[in-house]
Amino acid sequence: MEGGPRALKEIVIASKNTGKIAEIAAALKHLPVKVLSLAEFGEIPEAVEDGATFLENALIKARYYAARTGKACLADDSGLEVDALQGAPGVYSARYAGENAIDADNNRKLLAALSHVQPAERTARFRCVLAFVDDQKPAITADGTCEGVILEELRGAGGFGYDPLFYIPDLDRTLAEIALAEKNAISHRGAALRNMAVRLQEYFR
């Protein structure tokens, strides 16, 4: 082909989670990029996520791992925002019930915090923020949300985290009651990835 094949831009995903990396790679497959896992760079100490917002944490991770790998980096931060709790657990979603909390602990604490809140007022959303950092250029960010309601008891055996409590009225099911492909199509990360893909398409043009 005239001019030879176009060189692919290597992008490190700030994760070693193979499922997440595969999801991101699929979302960016139409772009001239090669997706790499953090696992390919040996034992890099974890970034300290001490931001007050999802955006701050995503930027912290993207800048940290870009500096340590010498590659462009795409990082995400996500969690649950409950309106009746003024946006909590927010950035503390994974450790809502403590640093060593498991999903069951976090769900118990959430149910206790909402024990006196009426069903109509238990609105919530999952939010994901993505940050892309490449050399010294301005960071590119994108976000996505998935709106729902927090139930009074767990439903469904699939998913993880708060999925068994997160009910989507339009589907009449929780995120723990739907197939993974359907979840990815409506999820906060899926929405954020679609938004980021549009921005990166402009960036690589």
C-alpha atoms as a PDB file:
ATOM      1  CA  MET A   1       0.000   0.000   0.000  1.00  0.00           C
ATOM      2  CA  GLU A   2       1.300   3.431  -0.872  1.00  0.00           C
ATOM      3  CA  GLY A   3       3.072   5.051   2.053  1.00  0.00           C
ATOM      4  CA  GLY A   4       3.156   1.798   4.034  1.00  0.00           C
ATOM      5  CA  PRO A   5       0.940   0.769   6.940  1.00  0.00           C
ATOM      6  CA  ARG A   6       0.022   3.402   9.471  1.00  0.00           C
ATOM      7  CA  ALA A   7       1.949   3.083  12.738  1.00  0.00           C
ATOM      8  CA  LEU A   8      -0.187   2.253  15.728  1.00  0.00           C
ATOM      9  CA  LYS A   9      -0.110   4.465  18.806  1.00  0.00           C
ATOM     10  CA  GLU A  10       0.572   2.423  21.938  1.00  0.00           C
ATOM     11  CA  ILE A  11      -1.771   3.204  24.813  1.00  0.00           C
ATOM     12  CA  VAL A  12      -1.342   1.737  28.282  1.00  0.00           C
ATOM     13  CA  ILE A  13      -4.567   0.996  30.137  1.00  0.00           C
ATOM     14  CA  ALA A  14      -4.123   1.764  33.836  1.00  0.00           C
ATOM     15  CA  SER A  15      -5.306  -1.696  34.859  1.00  0.00           C
ATOM     16  CA  LYS A  16      -4.280  -5.349  34.932  1.00  0.00           C
ATOM     17  CA  ASN A  17      -7.912  -6.501  34.756  1.00  0.00           C
ATOM     18  CA  THR A  18      -8.117  -8.541  31.549  1.00  0.00           C
ATOM     19  CA  GLY A  19     -11.889  -8.054  31.253  1.00  0.00           C
ATOM     20  CA  LYS A  20     -11.646  -4.283  31.494  1.00  0.00           C
ATOM     21  CA  ILE A  21      -8.744  -4.167  29.023  1.00  0.00           C
ATOM     22  CA  ALA A  22     -10.661  -6.303  26.528  1.00  0.00           C
ATOM     23  CA  GLU A  23     -13.697  -4.019  26.858  1.00  0.00           C
ATOM     24  CA  ILE A  24     -11.579  -0.917  26.245  1.00  0.00           C
ATOM     25  CA  ALA A  25      -9.730  -2.527  23.337  1.00  0.00           C
ATOM     26  CA  ALA A  26     -13.064  -3.393  21.710  1.00  0.00           C
ATOM     27  CA  ALA A  27     -14.310   0.181  22.127  1.00  0.00           C
ATOM     28  CA  LEU A  28     -11.158   1.589  20.485  1.00  0.00           C
ATOM     29  CA  LYS A  29     -10.687  -1.053  17.783  1.00  0.00           C
ATOM     30  CA  HIS A  30     -11.543   1.375  14.962  1.00  0.00           C
ATOM     31  CA  LEU A  31      -8.734   3.740  16.027  1.00  0.00           C
ATOM     32  CA  PRO A  32      -5.022   3.487  15.086  1.00  0.00           C
ATOM     33  CA  VAL A  33      -4.037   2.309  18.572  1.00  0.00           C
ATOM     34  CA  LYS A  34      -2.473  -0.729  20.218  1.00  0.00           C
ATOM     35  CA  VAL A  35      -3.828  -1.333  23.714  1.00  0.00           C
ATOM     36  CA  LEU A  36      -1.337  -2.493  26.359  1.00  0.00           C
ATOM     37  CA  SER A  37      -1.939  -3.755  29.894  1.00  0.00           C
ATOM     38  CA  LEU A  38      -0.062  -2.485  32.945  1.00  0.00           C
ATOM     39  CA  ALA A  39       0.873  -6.132  33.508  1.00  0.00           C
ATOM     40  CA  GLU A  40       3.299  -5.812  30.575  1.00  0.00           C
ATOM     41  CA  PHE A  41       5.440  -3.328  32.525  1.00  0.00           C
ATOM     42  CA  GLY A  42       6.381  -5.401  35.569  1.00  0.00           C
ATOM     43  CA  GLU A  43       5.780  -4.385  39.160  1.00  0.00           C
ATOM     44  CA  ILE A  44       4.885  -0.699  39.138  1.00  0.00           C
ATOM     45  CA  PRO A  45       3.699   0.541  42.563  1.00  0.00           C
ATOM     46  CA  GLU A  46       0.024   1.501  42.537  1.00  0.00           C
ATOM     47  CA  ALA A  47      -0.930   5.148  42.134  1.00  0.00           C
ATOM     48  CA  VAL A  48      -2.229   6.869  45.266  1.00  0.00           C
ATOM     49  CA  GLU A  49      -5.826   7.759  44.448  1.00  0.00           C
ATOM     50  CA  ASP A  50      -6.374  10.618  46.884  1.00  0.00           C
ATOM     51  CA  GLY A  51      -8.533  12.851  44.688  1.00  0.00           C
ATOM     52  CA  ALA A  52     -11.853  14.212  45.882  1.00  0.00           C
ATOM     53  CA  THR A  53     -13.649  13.376  42.615  1.00  0.00           C
ATOM     54  CA  PHE A  54     -13.664  10.628  39.985  1.00  0.00           C
ATOM     55  CA  LEU A  55     -12.083  13.081  37.530  1.00  0.00           C
ATOM     56  CA  GLU A  56      -9.207  13.895  39.879  1.00  0.00           C
ATOM     57  CA  ASN A  57      -8.494  10.201  40.508  1.00  0.00           C
ATOM     58  CA  ALA A  58      -8.634   9.306  36.808  1.00  0.00           C
ATOM     59  CA  LEU A  59      -6.166  12.101  36.015  1.00  0.00           C
ATOM     60  CA  ILE A  60      -3.882  11.071  38.895  1.00  0.00           C
ATOM     61  CA  LYS A  61      -3.714   7.505  37.552  1.00  0.00           C
ATOM     62  CA  ALA A  62      -3.309   8.491  33.907  1.00  0.00           C
ATOM     63  CA  ARG A  63      -0.442  10.916  34.648  1.00  0.00           C
ATOM     64  CA  TYR A  64       1.256   8.547  37.097  1.00  0.00           C
ATOM     65  CA  TYR A  65       1.306   5.514  34.805  1.00  0.00           C
ATOM     66  CA  ALA A  66       2.147   7.565  31.700  1.00  0.00           C
ATOM     67  CA  ALA A  67       5.235   8.862  33.512  1.00  0.00           C
ATOM     68  CA  ARG A  68       6.292   5.379  34.658  1.00  0.00           C
ATOM     69  CA  THR A  69       5.715   3.545  31.382  1.00  0.00           C
ATOM     70  CA  GLY A  70       6.747   6.292  28.964  1.00  0.00           C
ATOM     71  CA  LYS A  71       3.544   5.636  27.001  1.00  0.00           C
ATOM     72  CA  ALA A  72       0.241   7.402  26.519  1.00  0.00           C
ATOM     73  CA  CYS A  73      -2.144   6.216  29.236  1.00  0.00           C
ATOM     74  CA  LEU A  74      -5.896   5.801  29.579  1.00  0.00           C
ATOM     75  CA  ALA A  75      -7.227   5.528  33.136  1.00  0.00           C
ATOM     76  CA  ASP A  76     -10.674   5.368  34.668  1.00  0.00           C
ATOM     77  CA  ASP A  77     -12.302   5.924  38.023  1.00  0.00           C
ATOM     78  CA  SER A  78     -15.865   5.003  38.783  1.00  0.00           C
ATOM     79  CA  GLY A  79     -18.367   4.421  41.532  1.00  0.00           C
ATOM     80  CA  LEU A  80     -21.881   4.849  42.846  1.00  0.00           C
ATOM     81  CA  GLU A  81     -23.550   8.184  43.614  1.00  0.00           C
ATOM     82  CA  VAL A  82     -26.728   8.078  45.732  1.00  0.00           C
ATOM     83  CA  ASP A  83     -28.774  11.274  45.717  1.00  0.00           C
ATOM     84  CA  ALA A  84     -30.240  10.814  49.222  1.00  0.00           C
ATOM     85  CA  LEU A  85     -26.668  10.478  50.550  1.00  0.00           C
ATOM     86  CA  GLN A  86     -25.451  13.663  48.818  1.00  0.00           C
ATOM     87  CA  GLY A  87     -23.496  11.645  46.258  1.00  0.00           C
ATOM     88  CA  ALA A  88     -21.961   9.085  48.636  1.00  0.00           C
ATOM     89  CA  PRO A  89     -20.322   6.630  48.517  1.00  0.00           C
ATOM     90  CA  GLY A  90     -18.771   8.292  45.436  1.00  0.00           C
ATOM     91  CA  VAL A  91     -14.993   7.911  45.223  1.00  0.00           C
ATOM     92  CA  TYR A  92     -15.139   5.693  48.319  1.00  0.00           C
ATOM     93  CA  SER A  93     -17.464   3.156  46.650  1.00  0.00           C
ATOM     94  CA  ALA A  94     -14.985   0.257  46.752  1.00  0.00           C
ATOM     95  CA  ARG A  95     -14.067   0.922  50.386  1.00  0.00           C
ATOM     96  CA  TYR A  96     -17.351   2.362  51.684  1.00  0.00           C
ATOM     97  CA  ALA A  97     -17.402   0.011  54.699  1.00  0.00           C
ATOM     98  CA  GLY A  98     -13.632   0.210  55.277  1.00  0.00           C
ATOM     99  CA  GLU A  99     -10.301  -0.334  53.550  1.00  0.00           C
ATOM    100  CA  ASN A 100     -10.663  -4.128  53.559  1.00  0.00           C
ATOM    101  CA  ALA A 101     -14.410  -4.195  52.863  1.00  0.00           C
ATOM    102  CA  ILE A 102     -15.892  -6.789  50.538  1.00  0.00           C
ATOM    103  CA  ASP A 103     -18.998  -6.313  48.385  1.00  0.00           C
ATOM    104  CA  ALA A 104     -21.315  -7.719  51.072  1.00  0.00           C
ATOM    105  CA  ASP A 105     -19.979  -5.234  53.658  1.00  0.00           C
ATOM    106  CA  ASN A 106     -20.478  -2.276  51.336  1.00  0.00           C
ATOM    107  CA  ASN A 107     -23.994  -3.370  50.404  1.00  0.00           C
ATOM    108  CA  ARG A 108     -24.932  -3.801  54.074  1.00  0.00           C
ATOM    109  CA  LYS A 109     -23.687  -0.316  54.911  1.00  0.00           C
ATOM    110  CA  LEU A 110     -25.552   1.184  51.954  1.00  0.00           C
ATOM    111  CA  LEU A 111     -28.814  -0.495  52.967  1.00  0.00           C
ATOM    112  CA  ALA A 112     -28.380   0.729  56.538  1.00  0.00           C
ATOM    113  CA  ALA A 113     -27.699   4.293  55.369  1.00  0.00           C
ATOM    114  CA  LEU A 114     -30.905   4.232  53.299  1.00  0.00           C
ATOM    115  CA  SER A 115     -33.066   2.348  55.787  1.00  0.00           C
ATOM    116  CA  HIS A 116     -35.367   5.337  56.390  1.00  0.00           C
ATOM    117  CA  VAL A 117     -35.391   6.625  52.807  1.00  0.00           C
ATOM    118  CA  GLN A 118     -38.563   6.076  50.790  1.00  0.00           C
ATOM    119  CA  PRO A 119     -38.308   4.084  47.501  1.00  0.00           C
ATOM    120  CA  ALA A 120     -39.071   7.133  45.348  1.00  0.00           C
ATOM    121  CA  GLU A 121     -36.130   8.983  46.883  1.00  0.00           C
ATOM    122  CA  ARG A 122     -33.542   6.216  46.439  1.00  0.00           C
ATOM    123  CA  THR A 123     -32.371   7.452  43.024  1.00  0.00           C
ATOM    124  CA  ALA A 124     -28.721   6.852  42.146  1.00  0.00           C
ATOM    125  CA  ARG A 125     -26.273   6.474  39.297  1.00  0.00           C
ATOM    126  CA  PHE A 126     -23.064   4.717  38.479  1.00  0.00           C
ATOM    127  CA  ARG A 127     -20.544   7.185  37.070  1.00  0.00           C
ATOM    128  CA  CYS A 128     -17.319   6.506  35.181  1.00  0.00           C
ATOM    129  CA  VAL A 129     -14.724   9.124  34.255  1.00  0.00           C
ATOM    130  CA  LEU A 130     -11.919   8.381  31.789  1.00  0.00           C
ATOM    131  CA  ALA A 131      -8.705  10.380  31.399  1.00  0.00           C
ATOM    132  CA  PHE A 132      -6.216  10.097  28.531  1.00  0.00           C
ATOM    133  CA  VAL A 133      -2.710  11.534  28.945  1.00  0.00           C
ATOM    134  CA  ASP A 134      -0.138  11.699  26.130  1.00  0.00           C
ATOM    135  CA  ASP A 135       3.225  13.440  26.677  1.00  0.00           C
ATOM    136  CA  GLN A 136       2.774  17.077  27.643  1.00  0.00           C
ATOM    137  CA  LYS A 137      -0.414  17.638  25.665  1.00  0.00           C
ATOM    138  CA  PRO A 138      -3.635  18.601  27.499  1.00  0.00           C
ATOM    139  CA  ALA A 139      -5.463  15.625  28.997  1.00  0.00           C
ATOM    140  CA  ILE A 140      -8.614  14.365  27.285  1.00  0.00           C
ATOM    141  CA  THR A 141     -11.487  13.356  29.550  1.00  0.00           C
ATOM    142  CA  ALA A 142     -14.904  11.772  29.100  1.00  0.00           C
ATOM    143  CA  ASP A 143     -17.581  10.448  31.398  1.00  0.00           C
ATOM    144  CA  GLY A 144     -20.667   8.269  31.350  1.00  0.00           C
ATOM    145  CA  THR A 145     -23.505   7.440  33.717  1.00  0.00           C
ATOM    146  CA  CYS A 146     -26.087   4.720  34.262  1.00  0.00           C
ATOM    147  CA  GLU A 147     -29.213   5.868  36.127  1.00  0.00           C
ATOM    148  CA  GLY A 148     -31.163   3.670  38.527  1.00  0.00           C
ATOM    149  CA  VAL A 149     -32.705   3.182  41.962  1.00  0.00           C
ATOM    150  CA  ILE A 150     -31.323   1.471  45.066  1.00  0.00           C
ATOM    151  CA  LEU A 151     -33.555  -1.408  46.166  1.00  0.00           C
ATOM    152  CA  GLU A 152     -34.262  -2.426  49.772  1.00  0.00           C
ATOM    153  CA  GLU A 153     -32.873  -5.932  49.244  1.00  0.00           C
ATOM    154  CA  LEU A 154     -30.430  -7.681  46.912  1.00  0.00           C
ATOM    155  CA  ARG A 155     -31.693  -9.195  43.667  1.00  0.00           C
ATOM    156  CA  GLY A 156     -29.770 -11.332  41.187  1.00  0.00           C
ATOM    157  CA  ALA A 157     -26.682 -13.525  41.300  1.00  0.00           C
ATOM    158  CA  GLY A 158     -24.602 -11.880  38.572  1.00  0.00           C
ATOM    159  CA  GLY A 159     -22.442  -8.791  38.471  1.00  0.00           C
ATOM    160  CA  PHE A 160     -20.403  -7.511  41.400  1.00  0.00           C
ATOM    161  CA  GLY A 161     -20.240  -4.633  43.842  1.00  0.00           C
ATOM    162  CA  TYR A 162     -23.556  -2.819  44.181  1.00  0.00           C
ATOM    163  CA  ASP A 163     -25.100  -4.492  41.101  1.00  0.00           C
ATOM    164  CA  PRO A 164     -27.655  -6.586  43.099  1.00  0.00           C
ATOM    165  CA  LEU A 165     -29.074  -3.392  44.636  1.00  0.00           C
ATOM    166  CA  PHE A 166     -28.984  -1.237  41.495  1.00  0.00           C
ATOM    167  CA  TYR A 167     -32.389  -1.460  39.828  1.00  0.00           C
ATOM    168  CA  ILE A 168     -33.076  -0.055  36.358  1.00  0.00           C
ATOM    169  CA  PRO A 169     -36.802   0.756  36.018  1.00  0.00           C
ATOM    170  CA  ASP A 170     -36.819   0.601  32.202  1.00  0.00           C
ATOM    171  CA  LEU A 171     -35.560  -2.996  32.362  1.00  0.00           C
ATOM    172  CA  ASP A 172     -37.420  -3.984  35.545  1.00  0.00           C
ATOM    173  CA  ARG A 173     -34.209  -5.720  36.601  1.00  0.00           C
ATOM    174  CA  THR A 174     -31.068  -5.047  38.596  1.00  0.00           C
ATOM    175  CA  LEU A 175     -27.618  -5.033  37.018  1.00  0.00           C
ATOM    176  CA  ALA A 176     -27.098  -8.414  38.697  1.00  0.00           C
ATOM    177  CA  GLU A 177     -30.049  -9.851  36.738  1.00  0.00           C
ATOM    178  CA  ILE A 178     -28.922  -9.040  33.207  1.00  0.00           C
ATOM    179  CA  ALA A 179     -26.360 -10.648  30.899  1.00  0.00           C
ATOM    180  CA  LEU A 180     -22.873  -9.164  30.700  1.00  0.00           C
ATOM    181  CA  ALA A 181     -23.311  -8.061  27.065  1.00  0.00           C
ATOM    182  CA  GLU A 182     -26.508  -6.200  27.942  1.00  0.00           C
ATOM    183  CA  LYS A 183     -24.842  -4.646  30.984  1.00  0.00           C
ATOM    184  CA  ASN A 184     -21.899  -3.423  28.909  1.00  0.00           C
ATOM    185  CA  ALA A 185     -24.308  -1.825  26.420  1.00  0.00           C
ATOM    186  CA  ILE A 186     -25.956   0.337  29.100  1.00  0.00           C
ATOM    187  CA  SER A 187     -23.155   0.681  31.653  1.00  0.00           C
ATOM    188  CA  HIS A 188     -21.470   3.863  32.794  1.00  0.00           C
ATOM    189  CA  ARG A 189     -18.089   2.589  31.566  1.00  0.00           C
ATOM    190  CA  GLY A 190     -19.565   1.687  28.185  1.00  0.00           C
ATOM    191  CA  ALA A 191     -21.008   5.203  27.837  1.00  0.00           C
ATOM    192  CA  ALA A 192     -17.728   6.802  28.925  1.00  0.00           C
ATOM    193  CA  LEU A 193     -15.784   4.651  26.442  1.00  0.00           C
ATOM    194  CA  ARG A 194     -18.064   5.625  23.585  1.00  0.00           C
ATOM    195  CA  ASN A 195     -17.586   9.305  24.474  1.00  0.00           C
ATOM    196  CA  MET A 196     -13.812   8.876  24.784  1.00  0.00           C
ATOM    197  CA  ALA A 197     -13.627   7.034  21.445  1.00  0.00           C
ATOM    198  CA  VAL A 198     -15.222  10.044  19.726  1.00  0.00           C
ATOM    199  CA  ARG A 199     -12.687  12.410  21.328  1.00  0.00           C
ATOM    200  CA  LEU A 200      -9.737  10.172  20.478  1.00  0.00           C
ATOM    201  CA  GLN A 201     -10.897   9.873  16.891  1.00  0.00           C
ATOM    202  CA  GLU A 202     -10.553  13.651  16.638  1.00  0.00           C
ATOM    203  CA  TYR A 203      -7.217  13.531  18.475  1.00  0.00           C
ATOM    204  CA  PHE A 204      -5.674  10.997  16.060  1.00  0.00           C
ATOM    205  CA  ARG A 205      -7.079  12.617  12.935  1.00  0.00           C
END
